[in-house]
N, C-alpha and C. Protein backbone atom coordinates (compact mmCIF):
# COMPACT_ATOMS: atom_id res chain seq x y z
N UNK A 1 -3.48 4.71 34.13
CA UNK A 1 -4.14 5.91 33.66
C UNK A 1 -3.10 6.84 33.02
N UNK A 2 -3.41 7.41 31.87
CA UNK A 2 -2.43 8.28 31.23
C UNK A 2 -2.26 9.58 32.01
N UNK A 3 -1.10 10.17 31.83
CA UNK A 3 -0.87 11.49 32.39
C UNK A 3 -1.84 12.48 31.77
N UNK A 4 -2.13 13.55 32.48
CA UNK A 4 -3.08 14.56 31.99
C UNK A 4 -2.70 15.06 30.60
N UNK A 5 -1.43 15.24 30.35
CA UNK A 5 -1.00 15.76 29.05
C UNK A 5 -1.30 14.78 27.91
N UNK A 6 -1.48 13.51 28.25
CA UNK A 6 -1.77 12.51 27.22
C UNK A 6 -3.26 12.25 27.02
N UNK A 7 -4.10 12.75 27.92
CA UNK A 7 -5.53 12.44 27.81
C UNK A 7 -6.14 12.96 26.50
N UNK A 8 -5.73 14.13 26.07
CA UNK A 8 -6.25 14.66 24.82
C UNK A 8 -5.76 13.84 23.63
N UNK A 9 -4.52 13.38 23.72
CA UNK A 9 -3.97 12.54 22.66
C UNK A 9 -4.72 11.21 22.61
N UNK A 10 -4.95 10.60 23.75
CA UNK A 10 -5.67 9.33 23.81
C UNK A 10 -7.09 9.51 23.26
N UNK A 11 -7.75 10.59 23.63
CA UNK A 11 -9.11 10.84 23.13
C UNK A 11 -9.10 10.99 21.61
N UNK A 12 -8.15 11.75 21.08
CA UNK A 12 -8.07 11.94 19.63
C UNK A 12 -7.73 10.63 18.92
N UNK A 13 -6.84 9.84 19.52
CA UNK A 13 -6.51 8.53 18.95
C UNK A 13 -7.73 7.61 18.97
N UNK A 14 -8.56 7.73 20.01
CA UNK A 14 -9.78 6.93 20.08
C UNK A 14 -10.74 7.24 18.95
N UNK A 15 -10.84 8.52 18.60
CA UNK A 15 -11.68 8.91 17.45
C UNK A 15 -11.07 8.37 16.16
N UNK A 16 -9.76 8.51 16.01
CA UNK A 16 -9.09 7.99 14.82
C UNK A 16 -9.29 6.48 14.70
N UNK A 17 -9.18 5.77 15.81
CA UNK A 17 -9.39 4.32 15.80
C UNK A 17 -10.82 3.99 15.40
N UNK A 18 -11.79 4.67 16.00
CA UNK A 18 -13.19 4.40 15.68
C UNK A 18 -13.50 4.70 14.22
N UNK A 19 -13.05 5.84 13.73
CA UNK A 19 -13.29 6.19 12.33
C UNK A 19 -12.63 5.17 11.40
N UNK A 20 -11.43 4.76 11.73
CA UNK A 20 -10.71 3.79 10.91
C UNK A 20 -11.43 2.44 10.89
N UNK A 21 -11.94 2.04 12.05
CA UNK A 21 -12.63 0.75 12.13
C UNK A 21 -13.92 0.76 11.32
N UNK A 22 -14.72 1.82 11.46
CA UNK A 22 -15.96 1.90 10.69
C UNK A 22 -15.66 1.97 9.20
N UNK A 23 -14.64 2.73 8.81
CA UNK A 23 -14.25 2.80 7.41
C UNK A 23 -13.78 1.44 6.91
N UNK A 24 -13.06 0.71 7.73
CA UNK A 24 -12.61 -0.62 7.35
C UNK A 24 -13.80 -1.55 7.10
N UNK A 25 -14.76 -1.52 7.99
CA UNK A 25 -15.94 -2.37 7.84
C UNK A 25 -16.71 -2.01 6.57
N UNK A 26 -16.86 -0.71 6.32
CA UNK A 26 -17.56 -0.25 5.11
C UNK A 26 -16.79 -0.67 3.86
N UNK A 27 -15.47 -0.54 3.89
CA UNK A 27 -14.64 -0.90 2.75
C UNK A 27 -14.73 -2.40 2.48
N UNK A 28 -14.74 -3.19 3.54
CA UNK A 28 -14.88 -4.64 3.39
C UNK A 28 -16.23 -4.99 2.76
N UNK A 29 -17.28 -4.34 3.22
CA UNK A 29 -18.61 -4.55 2.64
C UNK A 29 -18.57 -4.26 1.14
N UNK A 30 -18.00 -3.13 0.77
CA UNK A 30 -17.95 -2.76 -0.64
C UNK A 30 -17.05 -3.70 -1.43
N UNK A 31 -15.97 -4.15 -0.85
CA UNK A 31 -15.08 -5.13 -1.49
C UNK A 31 -15.86 -6.41 -1.82
N UNK A 32 -16.64 -6.86 -0.89
CA UNK A 32 -17.41 -8.09 -1.10
C UNK A 32 -18.56 -7.90 -2.08
N UNK A 33 -19.17 -6.72 -2.10
CA UNK A 33 -20.47 -6.57 -2.76
C UNK A 33 -20.49 -5.67 -3.98
N UNK A 34 -19.34 -5.14 -4.40
CA UNK A 34 -19.33 -4.31 -5.59
C UNK A 34 -19.70 -5.15 -6.81
N UNK A 35 -20.43 -4.55 -7.72
CA UNK A 35 -20.79 -5.20 -8.99
C UNK A 35 -20.67 -4.16 -10.10
N UNK A 36 -20.65 -4.63 -11.31
CA UNK A 36 -20.65 -3.73 -12.45
C UNK A 36 -19.44 -3.95 -13.34
N UNK A 37 -19.35 -3.12 -14.36
CA UNK A 37 -18.31 -3.28 -15.36
C UNK A 37 -16.91 -3.04 -14.81
N UNK A 38 -16.80 -2.30 -13.70
CA UNK A 38 -15.50 -2.05 -13.07
C UNK A 38 -15.25 -2.97 -11.88
N UNK A 39 -15.97 -4.08 -11.84
CA UNK A 39 -15.88 -4.98 -10.69
C UNK A 39 -14.45 -5.34 -10.32
N UNK A 40 -13.68 -5.84 -11.27
CA UNK A 40 -12.34 -6.34 -10.96
C UNK A 40 -11.48 -5.22 -10.38
N UNK A 41 -11.45 -4.08 -11.05
CA UNK A 41 -10.65 -2.94 -10.58
C UNK A 41 -11.08 -2.50 -9.18
N UNK A 42 -12.38 -2.36 -8.96
CA UNK A 42 -12.86 -1.88 -7.67
C UNK A 42 -12.70 -2.93 -6.57
N UNK A 43 -12.97 -4.17 -6.90
CA UNK A 43 -12.79 -5.26 -5.94
C UNK A 43 -11.34 -5.29 -5.45
N UNK A 44 -10.40 -5.15 -6.36
CA UNK A 44 -8.98 -5.15 -5.99
C UNK A 44 -8.61 -3.89 -5.19
N UNK A 45 -9.08 -2.74 -5.62
CA UNK A 45 -8.78 -1.49 -4.91
C UNK A 45 -9.36 -1.51 -3.50
N UNK A 46 -10.63 -1.89 -3.39
CA UNK A 46 -11.25 -1.94 -2.07
C UNK A 46 -10.56 -2.97 -1.19
N UNK A 47 -10.14 -4.08 -1.77
CA UNK A 47 -9.42 -5.10 -1.01
C UNK A 47 -8.09 -4.58 -0.48
N UNK A 48 -7.36 -3.86 -1.32
CA UNK A 48 -6.08 -3.30 -0.89
C UNK A 48 -6.29 -2.25 0.20
N UNK A 49 -7.33 -1.42 0.04
CA UNK A 49 -7.60 -0.41 1.06
C UNK A 49 -8.04 -1.05 2.37
N UNK A 50 -8.83 -2.10 2.29
CA UNK A 50 -9.26 -2.82 3.50
C UNK A 50 -8.05 -3.42 4.22
N UNK A 51 -7.15 -4.04 3.47
CA UNK A 51 -5.95 -4.64 4.07
C UNK A 51 -5.10 -3.57 4.77
N UNK A 52 -4.93 -2.42 4.12
CA UNK A 52 -4.15 -1.33 4.72
C UNK A 52 -4.81 -0.81 5.99
N UNK A 53 -6.11 -0.69 5.98
CA UNK A 53 -6.83 -0.21 7.17
C UNK A 53 -6.68 -1.18 8.33
N UNK A 54 -6.68 -2.45 8.03
CA UNK A 54 -6.54 -3.45 9.10
C UNK A 54 -5.25 -3.25 9.88
N UNK A 55 -4.15 -3.04 9.17
CA UNK A 55 -2.87 -2.79 9.83
C UNK A 55 -2.87 -1.48 10.58
N UNK A 56 -3.50 -0.46 10.03
CA UNK A 56 -3.55 0.86 10.67
C UNK A 56 -4.35 0.81 11.97
N UNK A 57 -5.43 0.07 11.96
CA UNK A 57 -6.26 -0.06 13.16
C UNK A 57 -5.44 -0.63 14.30
N UNK A 58 -4.69 -1.66 14.02
CA UNK A 58 -3.86 -2.29 15.04
C UNK A 58 -2.81 -1.30 15.57
N UNK A 59 -2.20 -0.56 14.67
CA UNK A 59 -1.17 0.40 15.04
C UNK A 59 -1.72 1.50 15.95
N UNK A 60 -2.90 2.01 15.63
CA UNK A 60 -3.51 3.06 16.44
C UNK A 60 -3.90 2.51 17.82
N UNK A 61 -4.51 1.33 17.84
CA UNK A 61 -4.90 0.73 19.12
C UNK A 61 -3.67 0.49 20.00
N UNK A 62 -2.60 0.01 19.41
CA UNK A 62 -1.39 -0.24 20.19
C UNK A 62 -0.77 1.06 20.70
N UNK A 63 -0.92 2.15 19.97
CA UNK A 63 -0.42 3.43 20.45
C UNK A 63 -1.22 3.89 21.68
N UNK A 64 -2.52 3.70 21.63
CA UNK A 64 -3.35 4.03 22.79
C UNK A 64 -2.89 3.22 24.00
N UNK A 65 -2.62 1.95 23.80
CA UNK A 65 -2.14 1.09 24.89
C UNK A 65 -0.78 1.56 25.39
N UNK A 66 0.08 1.96 24.49
CA UNK A 66 1.41 2.43 24.89
C UNK A 66 1.33 3.69 25.74
N UNK A 67 0.25 4.46 25.57
CA UNK A 67 0.05 5.66 26.36
C UNK A 67 -0.63 5.35 27.69
N UNK A 68 -0.91 4.07 27.94
CA UNK A 68 -1.42 3.65 29.24
C UNK A 68 -2.93 3.58 29.36
N UNK A 69 -3.63 3.63 28.26
CA UNK A 69 -5.10 3.56 28.29
C UNK A 69 -5.58 2.31 27.56
N UNK A 70 -6.75 1.84 27.94
CA UNK A 70 -7.34 0.74 27.16
C UNK A 70 -7.85 1.28 25.82
N UNK A 71 -7.69 0.50 24.79
CA UNK A 71 -8.18 0.90 23.47
C UNK A 71 -9.68 0.56 23.37
N UNK A 72 -10.47 1.47 22.83
CA UNK A 72 -11.87 1.13 22.60
C UNK A 72 -11.93 -0.07 21.65
N UNK A 73 -12.86 -0.99 21.92
CA UNK A 73 -12.84 -2.22 21.13
C UNK A 73 -14.22 -2.84 20.94
N UNK A 74 -15.27 -2.06 21.07
CA UNK A 74 -16.61 -2.60 20.83
C UNK A 74 -17.31 -1.74 19.78
N UNK A 75 -18.32 -2.32 19.15
CA UNK A 75 -19.08 -1.54 18.18
C UNK A 75 -19.71 -0.32 18.83
N UNK A 76 -20.19 -0.47 20.07
CA UNK A 76 -20.79 0.66 20.77
C UNK A 76 -19.77 1.78 20.98
N UNK A 77 -18.56 1.43 21.41
CA UNK A 77 -17.53 2.44 21.62
C UNK A 77 -17.13 3.11 20.31
N UNK A 78 -17.02 2.31 19.25
CA UNK A 78 -16.66 2.87 17.96
C UNK A 78 -17.77 3.80 17.44
N UNK A 79 -19.01 3.37 17.56
CA UNK A 79 -20.13 4.16 17.08
C UNK A 79 -20.23 5.48 17.83
N UNK A 80 -19.99 5.44 19.14
CA UNK A 80 -20.05 6.66 19.95
C UNK A 80 -18.99 7.67 19.55
N UNK A 81 -17.81 7.21 19.14
CA UNK A 81 -16.68 8.09 18.86
C UNK A 81 -16.59 8.51 17.39
N UNK A 82 -17.07 7.68 16.50
CA UNK A 82 -16.79 7.85 15.07
C UNK A 82 -17.58 8.97 14.41
N UNK A 83 -16.90 9.68 13.52
CA UNK A 83 -17.56 10.61 12.61
C UNK A 83 -18.00 9.89 11.34
N UNK A 84 -17.26 8.85 10.96
CA UNK A 84 -17.62 8.01 9.82
C UNK A 84 -18.82 7.16 10.25
N UNK A 85 -19.81 7.10 9.41
CA UNK A 85 -21.01 6.34 9.72
C UNK A 85 -21.07 5.08 8.87
N UNK A 86 -21.47 4.00 9.50
CA UNK A 86 -21.64 2.77 8.74
C UNK A 86 -22.91 2.89 7.90
N UNK A 87 -22.96 2.12 6.84
CA UNK A 87 -24.13 2.14 5.98
C UNK A 87 -24.61 0.72 5.75
N UNK A 88 -25.89 0.58 5.66
CA UNK A 88 -26.48 -0.72 5.34
C UNK A 88 -26.73 -0.78 3.84
N UNK A 89 -26.84 -1.96 3.35
CA UNK A 89 -27.17 -2.13 1.94
C UNK A 89 -25.95 -2.14 1.05
N UNK A 90 -26.23 -2.12 -0.23
CA UNK A 90 -25.19 -2.27 -1.24
C UNK A 90 -25.41 -1.24 -2.34
N UNK A 91 -24.86 -0.05 -2.15
CA UNK A 91 -25.07 1.01 -3.14
C UNK A 91 -24.39 0.69 -4.48
N UNK A 92 -24.71 1.48 -5.45
CA UNK A 92 -24.07 1.36 -6.76
C UNK A 92 -22.58 1.67 -6.62
N UNK A 93 -21.79 1.14 -7.53
CA UNK A 93 -20.33 1.27 -7.45
C UNK A 93 -19.89 2.73 -7.34
N UNK A 94 -20.47 3.61 -8.14
CA UNK A 94 -20.08 5.03 -8.08
C UNK A 94 -20.39 5.63 -6.70
N UNK A 95 -21.49 5.22 -6.12
CA UNK A 95 -21.84 5.71 -4.77
C UNK A 95 -20.88 5.16 -3.73
N UNK A 96 -20.43 3.93 -3.93
CA UNK A 96 -19.42 3.35 -3.03
C UNK A 96 -18.14 4.17 -3.08
N UNK A 97 -17.72 4.49 -4.29
CA UNK A 97 -16.49 5.27 -4.47
C UNK A 97 -16.61 6.63 -3.78
N UNK A 98 -17.73 7.29 -3.99
CA UNK A 98 -17.95 8.61 -3.39
C UNK A 98 -17.96 8.53 -1.87
N UNK A 99 -18.66 7.54 -1.34
CA UNK A 99 -18.74 7.38 0.12
C UNK A 99 -17.37 7.11 0.71
N UNK A 100 -16.61 6.23 0.09
CA UNK A 100 -15.28 5.92 0.62
C UNK A 100 -14.34 7.12 0.51
N UNK A 101 -14.43 7.85 -0.58
CA UNK A 101 -13.61 9.06 -0.71
C UNK A 101 -13.91 10.04 0.41
N UNK A 102 -15.19 10.29 0.63
CA UNK A 102 -15.58 11.23 1.69
C UNK A 102 -15.14 10.73 3.06
N UNK A 103 -15.26 9.44 3.28
CA UNK A 103 -14.87 8.87 4.58
C UNK A 103 -13.37 8.92 4.79
N UNK A 104 -12.59 8.71 3.75
CA UNK A 104 -11.14 8.83 3.89
C UNK A 104 -10.76 10.26 4.28
N UNK A 105 -11.44 11.23 3.71
CA UNK A 105 -11.17 12.62 4.08
C UNK A 105 -11.58 12.90 5.53
N UNK A 106 -12.65 12.29 5.97
CA UNK A 106 -13.07 12.42 7.37
C UNK A 106 -12.04 11.81 8.31
N UNK A 107 -11.52 10.66 7.95
CA UNK A 107 -10.50 10.01 8.79
C UNK A 107 -9.21 10.83 8.78
N UNK A 108 -8.88 11.43 7.66
CA UNK A 108 -7.71 12.31 7.61
C UNK A 108 -7.88 13.48 8.59
N UNK A 109 -9.09 14.03 8.69
CA UNK A 109 -9.35 15.10 9.65
C UNK A 109 -9.14 14.61 11.08
N UNK A 110 -9.57 13.39 11.36
CA UNK A 110 -9.36 12.82 12.70
C UNK A 110 -7.87 12.67 12.98
N UNK A 111 -7.11 12.29 11.96
CA UNK A 111 -5.66 12.16 12.14
C UNK A 111 -5.01 13.53 12.36
N UNK A 112 -5.50 14.55 11.67
CA UNK A 112 -5.00 15.91 11.91
C UNK A 112 -5.26 16.32 13.36
N UNK A 113 -6.40 15.93 13.92
CA UNK A 113 -6.70 16.25 15.32
C UNK A 113 -5.72 15.55 16.26
N UNK A 114 -5.30 14.35 15.91
CA UNK A 114 -4.29 13.66 16.71
C UNK A 114 -2.97 14.44 16.65
N UNK A 115 -2.59 14.88 15.48
CA UNK A 115 -1.35 15.64 15.33
C UNK A 115 -1.39 16.88 16.23
N UNK A 116 -2.50 17.60 16.19
CA UNK A 116 -2.63 18.82 17.00
C UNK A 116 -2.50 18.50 18.49
N UNK A 117 -3.22 17.48 18.95
CA UNK A 117 -3.17 17.10 20.37
C UNK A 117 -1.78 16.59 20.74
N UNK A 118 -1.19 15.80 19.87
CA UNK A 118 0.13 15.24 20.15
C UNK A 118 1.20 16.33 20.21
N UNK A 119 1.14 17.28 19.29
CA UNK A 119 2.10 18.39 19.32
C UNK A 119 1.97 19.19 20.60
N UNK A 120 0.73 19.43 21.04
CA UNK A 120 0.51 20.18 22.28
C UNK A 120 1.05 19.43 23.50
N UNK A 121 1.02 18.10 23.42
CA UNK A 121 1.49 17.28 24.54
C UNK A 121 2.97 16.90 24.42
N UNK A 122 3.61 17.29 23.33
CA UNK A 122 5.01 16.92 23.11
C UNK A 122 5.19 15.44 22.82
N UNK A 123 4.17 14.84 22.20
CA UNK A 123 4.16 13.40 21.90
C UNK A 123 4.50 13.19 20.43
N UNK A 124 5.78 13.15 20.14
CA UNK A 124 6.24 13.02 18.75
C UNK A 124 5.81 11.70 18.11
N UNK A 125 5.77 10.63 18.90
CA UNK A 125 5.42 9.32 18.34
C UNK A 125 3.97 9.31 17.84
N UNK A 126 3.06 9.86 18.63
CA UNK A 126 1.66 9.90 18.19
C UNK A 126 1.50 10.84 16.99
N UNK A 127 2.20 11.95 17.00
CA UNK A 127 2.14 12.88 15.87
C UNK A 127 2.66 12.21 14.60
N UNK A 128 3.74 11.45 14.73
CA UNK A 128 4.29 10.75 13.57
C UNK A 128 3.32 9.70 13.04
N UNK A 129 2.73 8.93 13.94
CA UNK A 129 1.75 7.93 13.53
C UNK A 129 0.61 8.60 12.77
N UNK A 130 0.08 9.69 13.33
CA UNK A 130 -1.05 10.37 12.71
C UNK A 130 -0.67 11.01 11.38
N UNK A 131 0.56 11.51 11.26
CA UNK A 131 1.02 12.08 9.99
C UNK A 131 1.01 11.01 8.90
N UNK A 132 1.45 9.82 9.25
CA UNK A 132 1.39 8.71 8.30
C UNK A 132 -0.03 8.37 7.89
N UNK A 133 -0.95 8.45 8.85
CA UNK A 133 -2.35 8.16 8.55
C UNK A 133 -2.93 9.23 7.61
N UNK A 134 -2.59 10.50 7.85
CA UNK A 134 -3.06 11.57 6.97
C UNK A 134 -2.60 11.28 5.54
N UNK A 135 -1.34 10.96 5.39
CA UNK A 135 -0.78 10.68 4.07
C UNK A 135 -1.55 9.56 3.37
N UNK A 136 -1.80 8.48 4.09
CA UNK A 136 -2.49 7.33 3.50
C UNK A 136 -3.94 7.65 3.15
N UNK A 137 -4.64 8.35 4.03
CA UNK A 137 -6.06 8.65 3.76
C UNK A 137 -6.22 9.68 2.65
N UNK A 138 -5.34 10.65 2.60
CA UNK A 138 -5.42 11.62 1.51
C UNK A 138 -5.07 10.98 0.17
N UNK A 139 -4.13 10.05 0.18
CA UNK A 139 -3.80 9.32 -1.05
C UNK A 139 -4.99 8.47 -1.49
N UNK A 140 -5.62 7.77 -0.55
CA UNK A 140 -6.78 6.94 -0.90
C UNK A 140 -7.89 7.81 -1.46
N UNK A 141 -8.13 8.97 -0.85
CA UNK A 141 -9.18 9.87 -1.35
C UNK A 141 -8.86 10.36 -2.75
N UNK A 142 -7.60 10.67 -2.99
CA UNK A 142 -7.18 11.12 -4.32
C UNK A 142 -7.44 10.02 -5.36
N UNK A 143 -7.07 8.79 -5.02
CA UNK A 143 -7.27 7.68 -5.96
C UNK A 143 -8.76 7.47 -6.25
N UNK A 144 -9.57 7.53 -5.22
CA UNK A 144 -11.02 7.35 -5.41
C UNK A 144 -11.61 8.51 -6.21
N UNK A 145 -11.14 9.72 -5.96
CA UNK A 145 -11.61 10.88 -6.73
C UNK A 145 -11.26 10.71 -8.20
N UNK A 146 -10.10 10.19 -8.49
CA UNK A 146 -9.70 9.98 -9.89
C UNK A 146 -10.64 9.02 -10.61
N UNK A 147 -11.19 8.07 -9.88
CA UNK A 147 -12.13 7.11 -10.48
C UNK A 147 -13.45 7.77 -10.84
N UNK A 148 -13.76 8.86 -10.17
CA UNK A 148 -15.03 9.54 -10.42
C UNK A 148 -14.98 10.44 -11.65
N UNK A 149 -13.77 10.64 -12.17
CA UNK A 149 -13.60 11.42 -13.39
C UNK A 149 -13.70 12.84 -13.13
């Protein structure tokens, strides 16, 4: 069981993990199912973002474990914690871009919450991990926004 000072960090990391996982699943769906004149560009972009999320998910889960807690690992646990919502169906490419942009910004907010909790607990490692996640999600959102013109 984590020390009391780490419980808030673990909780915030759990939200970051859940949001990242749902975003990863959504990105994979869009990678597989995008169509249209920008297919190649979007298929490659979504694929690269999905690959990056996969590594991030593992890193966040391992940080939770390093803090002495089990990492959430079921769809039910992810759904309960996540602010990012999964979507059914296959929207138009522009709608995919907009949804992913918005979701990356949501995940960045979850990472900011980790930074706040980690700083309060004196947990530099978790704060550093979350700072890296903010950077990546804000960059992804910027790239997706640029596609929207």
